[in-house]
Amino acid sequence: MILKANGGAKKALKDLPFNKIAPNMVTLFALCAGVSSIRFSAQARWDHAVIAIFVAAIFDGLDGRVARLLRGTTKFGAELDSLSDFVSFGVAPAILVYFWTMNGAIGIGWVLCLLFSMCMALRLARFNTMLDAEPTLHCWKHFFVGVPAPAAAVCSLIPIMLDLEFGLPVMKNPILNGAFLFVISCLMVSHIPTISLKKLRVPVFLVVPVMLLVALYAGFIISQPWLTIGVSAILYLLSIPVGVASWCCYVS
């Protein structure tokens, strides 16, 4: 009787195709990794906490590609992805850095961690509003506006990764970590163009060399994870001026 009274109810009960669900499953894997990082931080298992955030970044890079590959892009998936990004890249890194060293900086340590989380929320909200807006310049397809969420999360952990690799006491300095959080928070909500590889096309003759480089990079991550990821994050920060210069060349 209810179904007959409400014709739209039958549509609501219709089975969903797997291609609509699979991308959301990948997003949930990323969310689980981010929440697990918070648990590891509370247990002072710093290496596990960093790895969990890195795993979340990998899954975050996959869910959108899976959605486009399977043609399963949905509004629900976009909202779920933003919520997952905020937890995995806004909350988890802030809590990790706070428990690791910023709790020794009296009140300012927690303020800087809150700033990082709030800037992440603002960035994600701005990104969602930009999805429906037409880009003002065609060249923006090669750039991000500000530092994207996964990159910001990994860059905020540079001191932790270098300390795990070299055991340098200076890397636990609250001033150094606070400076990292503040600078990266500003970069997230800035309008600085940063390089995006989403639209990068690889020539056919370079496909095999690129795949070999990726395999080599994966080998370095397995053998020297903290040094490899830490250096990669530093190189990314150093690439920001290159992105700005490239953007200026596009618009000039």
C-alpha atoms as a PDB file:
ATOM      1  CA  MET A   1       0.000   0.000   0.000  1.00  0.00           C
ATOM      2  CA  ILE A   2       2.777   2.400   0.928  1.00  0.00           C
ATOM      3  CA  LEU A   3       4.652   1.701  -2.293  1.00  0.00           C
ATOM      4  CA  LYS A   4       1.540   2.335  -4.333  1.00  0.00           C
ATOM      5  CA  ALA A   5       0.836   5.561  -2.466  1.00  0.00           C
ATOM      6  CA  ASN A   6       4.337   6.802  -3.063  1.00  0.00           C
ATOM      7  CA  GLY A   7       5.474   6.172  -6.611  1.00  0.00           C
ATOM      8  CA  GLY A   8       9.012   7.410  -5.868  1.00  0.00           C
ATOM      9  CA  ALA A   9       9.574   4.746  -3.235  1.00  0.00           C
ATOM     10  CA  LYS A  10      10.073   2.046  -5.854  1.00  0.00           C
ATOM     11  CA  LYS A  11      12.947   4.000  -7.345  1.00  0.00           C
ATOM     12  CA  ALA A  12      14.526   4.386  -3.920  1.00  0.00           C
ATOM     13  CA  LEU A  13      14.544   0.595  -3.485  1.00  0.00           C
ATOM     14  CA  LYS A  14      16.230  -0.043  -6.813  1.00  0.00           C
ATOM     15  CA  ASP A  15      19.581  -1.843  -6.572  1.00  0.00           C
ATOM     16  CA  LEU A  16      22.696   0.240  -7.037  1.00  0.00           C
ATOM     17  CA  PRO A  17      25.255  -0.915  -9.631  1.00  0.00           C
ATOM     18  CA  PHE A  18      28.664  -1.876  -8.290  1.00  0.00           C
ATOM     19  CA  ASN A  19      30.393   0.914 -10.204  1.00  0.00           C
ATOM     20  CA  LYS A  20      28.498   3.428  -8.050  1.00  0.00           C
ATOM     21  CA  ILE A  21      29.575   1.731  -4.809  1.00  0.00           C
ATOM     22  CA  ALA A  22      33.214   0.806  -5.522  1.00  0.00           C
ATOM     23  CA  PRO A  23      34.619   4.384  -5.382  1.00  0.00           C
ATOM     24  CA  ASN A  24      32.883   4.960  -2.045  1.00  0.00           C
ATOM     25  CA  MET A  25      34.457   1.770  -0.695  1.00  0.00           C
ATOM     26  CA  VAL A  26      37.904   3.135  -1.590  1.00  0.00           C
ATOM     27  CA  THR A  27      37.013   6.410   0.147  1.00  0.00           C
ATOM     28  CA  LEU A  28      35.974   4.479   3.264  1.00  0.00           C
ATOM     29  CA  PHE A  29      39.351   2.701   3.238  1.00  0.00           C
ATOM     30  CA  ALA A  30      40.992   6.135   3.289  1.00  0.00           C
ATOM     31  CA  LEU A  31      38.753   7.228   6.149  1.00  0.00           C
ATOM     32  CA  CYS A  32      39.579   4.084   8.140  1.00  0.00           C
ATOM     33  CA  ALA A  33      43.296   4.779   7.658  1.00  0.00           C
ATOM     34  CA  GLY A  34      42.870   8.361   8.879  1.00  0.00           C
ATOM     35  CA  VAL A  35      40.918   7.339  11.977  1.00  0.00           C
ATOM     36  CA  SER A  36      43.496   4.604  12.676  1.00  0.00           C
ATOM     37  CA  SER A  37      46.213   7.264  12.584  1.00  0.00           C
ATOM     38  CA  ILE A  38      44.429   9.090  15.407  1.00  0.00           C
ATOM     39  CA  ARG A  39      44.407   5.868  17.445  1.00  0.00           C
ATOM     40  CA  PHE A  40      48.109   5.271  16.813  1.00  0.00           C
ATOM     41  CA  SER A  41      48.890   8.865  17.834  1.00  0.00           C
ATOM     42  CA  ALA A  42      47.092   8.373  21.150  1.00  0.00           C
ATOM     43  CA  GLN A  43      49.231   5.261  21.693  1.00  0.00           C
ATOM     44  CA  ALA A  44      52.468   7.129  20.801  1.00  0.00           C
ATOM     45  CA  ARG A  45      53.068   4.778  17.854  1.00  0.00           C
ATOM     46  CA  TRP A  46      54.386   7.548  15.650  1.00  0.00           C
ATOM     47  CA  ASP A  47      55.582   5.407  12.772  1.00  0.00           C
ATOM     48  CA  HIS A  48      52.238   3.641  12.448  1.00  0.00           C
ATOM     49  CA  ALA A  49      50.401   6.975  12.637  1.00  0.00           C
ATOM     50  CA  VAL A  50      52.457   8.455   9.799  1.00  0.00           C
ATOM     51  CA  ILE A  51      52.043   5.340   7.665  1.00  0.00           C
ATOM     52  CA  ALA A  52      48.267   5.419   8.180  1.00  0.00           C
ATOM     53  CA  ILE A  53      48.083   9.002   6.872  1.00  0.00           C
ATOM     54  CA  PHE A  54      50.261   8.089   3.897  1.00  0.00           C
ATOM     55  CA  VAL A  55      47.973   5.116   3.149  1.00  0.00           C
ATOM     56  CA  ALA A  56      44.967   7.434   3.373  1.00  0.00           C
ATOM     57  CA  ALA A  57      46.639   9.719   0.818  1.00  0.00           C
ATOM     58  CA  ILE A  58      47.115   6.781  -1.549  1.00  0.00           C
ATOM     59  CA  PHE A  59      43.472   5.721  -1.279  1.00  0.00           C
ATOM     60  CA  ASP A  60      42.384   9.335  -1.698  1.00  0.00           C
ATOM     61  CA  GLY A  61      44.293   9.484  -4.955  1.00  0.00           C
ATOM     62  CA  LEU A  62      42.621   6.296  -6.136  1.00  0.00           C
ATOM     63  CA  ASP A  63      38.953   6.887  -5.329  1.00  0.00           C
ATOM     64  CA  GLY A  64      38.429   9.659  -7.859  1.00  0.00           C
ATOM     65  CA  ARG A  65      40.213   7.712 -10.582  1.00  0.00           C
ATOM     66  CA  VAL A  66      38.180   4.600  -9.801  1.00  0.00           C
ATOM     67  CA  ALA A  67      34.993   6.667 -10.003  1.00  0.00           C
ATOM     68  CA  ARG A  68      35.940   8.102 -13.392  1.00  0.00           C
ATOM     69  CA  LEU A  69      37.121   4.743 -14.691  1.00  0.00           C
ATOM     70  CA  LEU A  70      33.897   3.000 -13.695  1.00  0.00           C
ATOM     71  CA  ARG A  71      31.763   6.056 -14.497  1.00  0.00           C
ATOM     72  CA  GLY A  72      30.531   5.956 -10.934  1.00  0.00           C
ATOM     73  CA  THR A  73      30.897   9.620  -9.988  1.00  0.00           C
ATOM     74  CA  THR A  74      28.059  10.692  -7.676  1.00  0.00           C
ATOM     75  CA  LYS A  75      27.223  13.672  -5.480  1.00  0.00           C
ATOM     76  CA  PHE A  76      27.153  11.338  -2.478  1.00  0.00           C
ATOM     77  CA  GLY A  77      30.689  10.189  -3.277  1.00  0.00           C
ATOM     78  CA  ALA A  78      31.939  13.776  -3.538  1.00  0.00           C
ATOM     79  CA  GLU A  79      30.502  14.648  -0.113  1.00  0.00           C
ATOM     80  CA  LEU A  80      31.886  11.452   1.447  1.00  0.00           C
ATOM     81  CA  ASP A  81      35.291  12.186  -0.055  1.00  0.00           C
ATOM     82  CA  SER A  82      35.363  15.655   1.538  1.00  0.00           C
ATOM     83  CA  LEU A  83      34.422  14.282   4.960  1.00  0.00           C
ATOM     84  CA  SER A  84      37.104  11.613   4.639  1.00  0.00           C
ATOM     85  CA  ASP A  85      39.696  14.202   3.600  1.00  0.00           C
ATOM     86  CA  PHE A  86      38.922  16.401   6.588  1.00  0.00           C
ATOM     87  CA  VAL A  87      39.364  13.549   9.057  1.00  0.00           C
ATOM     88  CA  SER A  88      42.386  11.960   7.365  1.00  0.00           C
ATOM     89  CA  PHE A  89      44.258  15.117   6.363  1.00  0.00           C
ATOM     90  CA  GLY A  90      42.867  17.791   8.661  1.00  0.00           C
ATOM     91  CA  VAL A  91      42.255  16.114  12.013  1.00  0.00           C
ATOM     92  CA  ALA A  92      44.657  13.151  12.042  1.00  0.00           C
ATOM     93  CA  PRO A  93      47.883  15.115  11.224  1.00  0.00           C
ATOM     94  CA  ALA A  94      46.975  17.870  13.708  1.00  0.00           C
ATOM     95  CA  ILE A  95      46.418  15.359  16.512  1.00  0.00           C
ATOM     96  CA  LEU A  96      49.580  13.468  15.563  1.00  0.00           C
ATOM     97  CA  VAL A  97      51.759  16.591  15.684  1.00  0.00           C
ATOM     98  CA  TYR A  98      50.089  17.720  18.920  1.00  0.00           C
ATOM     99  CA  PHE A  99      50.714  14.461  20.759  1.00  0.00           C
ATOM    100  CA  TRP A 100      54.215  14.199  19.297  1.00  0.00           C
ATOM    101  CA  THR A 101      55.543  17.581  20.403  1.00  0.00           C
ATOM    102  CA  MET A 102      53.090  20.491  20.318  1.00  0.00           C
ATOM    103  CA  ASN A 103      51.532  19.587  23.678  1.00  0.00           C
ATOM    104  CA  GLY A 104      54.753  20.963  25.178  1.00  0.00           C
ATOM    105  CA  ALA A 105      54.103  24.425  23.720  1.00  0.00           C
ATOM    106  CA  ILE A 106      51.496  25.344  26.370  1.00  0.00           C
ATOM    107  CA  GLY A 107      48.391  26.864  24.716  1.00  0.00           C
ATOM    108  CA  ILE A 108      49.888  27.996  21.433  1.00  0.00           C
ATOM    109  CA  GLY A 109      50.578  24.397  20.401  1.00  0.00           C
ATOM    110  CA  TRP A 110      46.906  23.476  20.416  1.00  0.00           C
ATOM    111  CA  VAL A 111      45.987  26.761  18.716  1.00  0.00           C
ATOM    112  CA  LEU A 112      48.300  25.984  15.794  1.00  0.00           C
ATOM    113  CA  CYS A 113      46.888  22.460  15.507  1.00  0.00           C
ATOM    114  CA  LEU A 114      43.370  23.926  15.449  1.00  0.00           C
ATOM    115  CA  LEU A 115      44.485  26.417  12.807  1.00  0.00           C
ATOM    116  CA  PHE A 116      45.702  23.581  10.609  1.00  0.00           C
ATOM    117  CA  SER A 117      42.396  21.711  10.929  1.00  0.00           C
ATOM    118  CA  MET A 118      40.302  24.815  10.300  1.00  0.00           C
ATOM    119  CA  CYS A 119      42.322  25.785   7.230  1.00  0.00           C
ATOM    120  CA  MET A 120      41.839  22.255   5.916  1.00  0.00           C
ATOM    121  CA  ALA A 121      38.073  22.577   6.409  1.00  0.00           C
ATOM    122  CA  LEU A 122      38.059  25.950   4.622  1.00  0.00           C
ATOM    123  CA  ARG A 123      40.106  24.567   1.746  1.00  0.00           C
ATOM    124  CA  LEU A 124      37.801  21.587   1.263  1.00  0.00           C
ATOM    125  CA  ALA A 125      34.725  23.830   1.406  1.00  0.00           C
ATOM    126  CA  ARG A 126      36.256  26.138  -1.202  1.00  0.00           C
ATOM    127  CA  PHE A 127      37.146  23.168  -3.383  1.00  0.00           C
ATOM    128  CA  ASN A 128      33.564  21.871  -3.263  1.00  0.00           C
ATOM    129  CA  THR A 129      32.172  25.245  -4.264  1.00  0.00           C
ATOM    130  CA  MET A 130      34.661  25.479  -7.137  1.00  0.00           C
ATOM    131  CA  LEU A 131      33.539  22.147  -8.605  1.00  0.00           C
ATOM    132  CA  ASP A 132      30.389  23.719 -10.056  1.00  0.00           C
ATOM    133  CA  ALA A 133      32.132  26.896 -11.196  1.00  0.00           C
ATOM    134  CA  GLU A 134      33.663  27.257 -14.611  1.00  0.00           C
ATOM    135  CA  PRO A 135      37.423  27.957 -14.506  1.00  0.00           C
ATOM    136  CA  THR A 136      38.276  31.507 -15.431  1.00  0.00           C
ATOM    137  CA  LEU A 137      41.414  30.422 -17.277  1.00  0.00           C
ATOM    138  CA  HIS A 138      41.960  27.262 -19.293  1.00  0.00           C
ATOM    139  CA  CYS A 139      45.451  26.860 -17.809  1.00  0.00           C
ATOM    140  CA  TRP A 140      44.022  26.133 -14.341  1.00  0.00           C
ATOM    141  CA  LYS A 141      43.490  22.510 -15.402  1.00  0.00           C
ATOM    142  CA  HIS A 142      47.256  22.086 -14.928  1.00  0.00           C
ATOM    143  CA  PHE A 143      47.272  23.600 -11.427  1.00  0.00           C
ATOM    144  CA  PHE A 144      45.684  23.399  -8.001  1.00  0.00           C
ATOM    145  CA  VAL A 145      44.563  26.506  -6.125  1.00  0.00           C
ATOM    146  CA  GLY A 146      46.797  26.330  -3.064  1.00  0.00           C
ATOM    147  CA  VAL A 147      48.327  23.151  -1.654  1.00  0.00           C
ATOM    148  CA  PRO A 148      45.939  20.152  -1.935  1.00  0.00           C
ATOM    149  CA  ALA A 149      44.814  18.326   1.195  1.00  0.00           C
ATOM    150  CA  PRO A 150      46.906  15.107   0.957  1.00  0.00           C
ATOM    151  CA  ALA A 151      50.086  17.028   0.123  1.00  0.00           C
ATOM    152  CA  ALA A 152      49.495  19.434   3.013  1.00  0.00           C
ATOM    153  CA  ALA A 153      49.025  16.545   5.431  1.00  0.00           C
ATOM    154  CA  VAL A 154      52.222  14.790   4.356  1.00  0.00           C
ATOM    155  CA  CYS A 155      54.242  18.040   4.361  1.00  0.00           C
ATOM    156  CA  SER A 156      53.101  18.824   7.907  1.00  0.00           C
ATOM    157  CA  LEU A 157      54.755  15.563   9.015  1.00  0.00           C
ATOM    158  CA  ILE A 158      58.211  16.317   7.555  1.00  0.00           C
ATOM    159  CA  PRO A 159      59.855  16.890  10.983  1.00  0.00           C
ATOM    160  CA  ILE A 160      58.397  13.628  12.302  1.00  0.00           C
ATOM    161  CA  MET A 161      59.626  11.620   9.315  1.00  0.00           C
ATOM    162  CA  LEU A 162      63.121  13.131   9.498  1.00  0.00           C
ATOM    163  CA  ASP A 163      63.258  12.389  13.232  1.00  0.00           C
ATOM    164  CA  LEU A 164      62.196   8.788  12.610  1.00  0.00           C
ATOM    165  CA  GLU A 165      64.979   8.483  10.022  1.00  0.00           C
ATOM    166  CA  PHE A 166      67.845  10.355  11.688  1.00  0.00           C
ATOM    167  CA  GLY A 167      66.791  10.707  15.338  1.00  0.00           C
ATOM    168  CA  LEU A 168      67.521  14.452  15.369  1.00  0.00           C
ATOM    169  CA  PRO A 169      66.346  16.098  18.633  1.00  0.00           C
ATOM    170  CA  VAL A 170      65.823  19.430  16.854  1.00  0.00           C
ATOM    171  CA  MET A 171      62.996  17.884  14.852  1.00  0.00           C
ATOM    172  CA  LYS A 172      60.924  17.629  18.044  1.00  0.00           C
ATOM    173  CA  ASN A 173      61.233  21.365  18.667  1.00  0.00           C
ATOM    174  CA  PRO A 174      57.696  22.801  19.075  1.00  0.00           C
ATOM    175  CA  ILE A 175      58.778  26.044  17.388  1.00  0.00           C
ATOM    176  CA  LEU A 176      59.911  24.191  14.256  1.00  0.00           C
ATOM    177  CA  ASN A 177      56.773  22.071  14.100  1.00  0.00           C
ATOM    178  CA  GLY A 178      54.572  25.069  14.828  1.00  0.00           C
ATOM    179  CA  ALA A 179      56.215  26.962  11.973  1.00  0.00           C
ATOM    180  CA  PHE A 180      55.529  24.041   9.634  1.00  0.00           C
ATOM    181  CA  LEU A 181      51.873  23.934  10.671  1.00  0.00           C
ATOM    182  CA  PHE A 182      51.445  27.692  10.268  1.00  0.00           C
ATOM    183  CA  VAL A 183      53.110  27.943   6.861  1.00  0.00           C
ATOM    184  CA  ILE A 184      51.295  24.931   5.423  1.00  0.00           C
ATOM    185  CA  SER A 185      47.979  26.157   6.836  1.00  0.00           C
ATOM    186  CA  CYS A 186      48.463  29.430   4.974  1.00  0.00           C
ATOM    187  CA  LEU A 187      49.461  27.616   1.772  1.00  0.00           C
ATOM    188  CA  MET A 188      46.301  25.492   1.886  1.00  0.00           C
ATOM    189  CA  VAL A 189      43.914  28.445   1.863  1.00  0.00           C
ATOM    190  CA  SER A 190      46.042  30.605  -0.415  1.00  0.00           C
ATOM    191  CA  HIS A 191      45.401  31.171  -4.116  1.00  0.00           C
ATOM    192  CA  ILE A 192      48.949  30.227  -5.048  1.00  0.00           C
ATOM    193  CA  PRO A 193      48.961  27.960  -8.142  1.00  0.00           C
ATOM    194  CA  THR A 194      50.614  24.617  -7.440  1.00  0.00           C
ATOM    195  CA  ILE A 195      51.445  22.035 -10.070  1.00  0.00           C
ATOM    196  CA  SER A 196      48.838  19.345 -10.794  1.00  0.00           C
ATOM    197  CA  LEU A 197      49.734  16.148 -12.642  1.00  0.00           C
ATOM    198  CA  LYS A 198      46.129  15.086 -13.282  1.00  0.00           C
ATOM    199  CA  LYS A 199      46.134  16.318 -16.879  1.00  0.00           C
ATOM    200  CA  LEU A 200      49.768  15.426 -17.590  1.00  0.00           C
ATOM    201  CA  ARG A 201      50.143  13.283 -20.719  1.00  0.00           C
ATOM    202  CA  VAL A 202      53.150  10.983 -21.028  1.00  0.00           C
ATOM    203  CA  PRO A 203      54.582  10.458 -24.541  1.00  0.00           C
ATOM    204  CA  VAL A 204      54.544   6.845 -25.701  1.00  0.00           C
ATOM    205  CA  PHE A 205      58.339   6.560 -25.781  1.00  0.00           C
ATOM    206  CA  LEU A 206      58.508   7.648 -22.121  1.00  0.00           C
ATOM    207  CA  VAL A 207      55.904   5.231 -20.757  1.00  0.00           C
ATOM    208  CA  VAL A 208      58.381   2.448 -19.945  1.00  0.00           C
ATOM    209  CA  PRO A 209      61.000   4.780 -18.365  1.00  0.00           C
ATOM    210  CA  VAL A 210      58.290   6.411 -16.240  1.00  0.00           C
ATOM    211  CA  MET A 211      57.028   3.024 -15.068  1.00  0.00           C
ATOM    212  CA  LEU A 212      60.592   2.032 -14.179  1.00  0.00           C
ATOM    213  CA  LEU A 213      61.013   5.238 -12.184  1.00  0.00           C
ATOM    214  CA  VAL A 214      57.761   4.528 -10.335  1.00  0.00           C
ATOM    215  CA  ALA A 215      58.982   1.004  -9.522  1.00  0.00           C
ATOM    216  CA  LEU A 216      62.298   2.433  -8.333  1.00  0.00           C
ATOM    217  CA  TYR A 217      60.487   4.977  -6.173  1.00  0.00           C
ATOM    218  CA  ALA A 218      58.335   2.221  -4.670  1.00  0.00           C
ATOM    219  CA  GLY A 219      61.501   0.300  -3.849  1.00  0.00           C
ATOM    220  CA  PHE A 220      62.923   3.320  -2.024  1.00  0.00           C
ATOM    221  CA  ILE A 221      59.687   3.713  -0.057  1.00  0.00           C
ATOM    222  CA  ILE A 222      59.898   0.086   1.050  1.00  0.00           C
ATOM    223  CA  SER A 223      63.590   0.218   1.982  1.00  0.00           C
ATOM    224  CA  GLN A 224      63.839   3.818   3.286  1.00  0.00           C
ATOM    225  CA  PRO A 225      60.262   5.012   3.859  1.00  0.00           C
ATOM    226  CA  TRP A 226      60.868   8.007   6.128  1.00  0.00           C
ATOM    227  CA  LEU A 227      63.753   9.419   4.115  1.00  0.00           C
ATOM    228  CA  THR A 228      61.990   8.851   0.773  1.00  0.00           C
ATOM    229  CA  ILE A 229      58.650  10.351   1.755  1.00  0.00           C
ATOM    230  CA  GLY A 230      60.297  13.155   3.738  1.00  0.00           C
ATOM    231  CA  VAL A 231      62.543  14.183   0.848  1.00  0.00           C
ATOM    232  CA  SER A 232      59.599  13.910  -1.552  1.00  0.00           C
ATOM    233  CA  ALA A 233      57.576  16.287   0.645  1.00  0.00           C
ATOM    234  CA  ILE A 234      60.479  18.750   0.808  1.00  0.00           C
ATOM    235  CA  LEU A 235      60.881  18.628  -2.973  1.00  0.00           C
ATOM    236  CA  TYR A 236      57.154  19.285  -3.331  1.00  0.00           C
ATOM    237  CA  LEU A 237      57.419  22.418  -1.194  1.00  0.00           C
ATOM    238  CA  LEU A 238      60.394  23.542  -3.277  1.00  0.00           C
ATOM    239  CA  SER A 239      58.320  23.015  -6.438  1.00  0.00           C
ATOM    240  CA  ILE A 240      55.770  25.652  -5.409  1.00  0.00           C
ATOM    241  CA  PRO A 241      57.840  28.566  -6.821  1.00  0.00           C
ATOM    242  CA  VAL A 242      58.203  26.524 -10.027  1.00  0.00           C
ATOM    243  CA  GLY A 243      54.422  26.181 -10.193  1.00  0.00           C
ATOM    244  CA  VAL A 244      53.963  29.918  -9.746  1.00  0.00           C
ATOM    245  CA  ALA A 245      56.512  30.642 -12.490  1.00  0.00           C
ATOM    246  CA  SER A 246      54.829  28.119 -14.824  1.00  0.00           C
ATOM    247  CA  TRP A 247      51.436  29.653 -14.200  1.00  0.00           C
ATOM    248  CA  CYS A 248      52.801  33.105 -14.996  1.00  0.00           C
ATOM    249  CA  CYS A 249      54.143  31.726 -18.300  1.00  0.00           C
ATOM    250  CA  TYR A 250      50.713  30.279 -19.151  1.00  0.00           C
ATOM    251  CA  VAL A 251      48.844  33.542 -18.538  1.00  0.00           C
ATOM    252  CA  SER A 252      51.430  35.837 -20.101  1.00  0.00           C
END
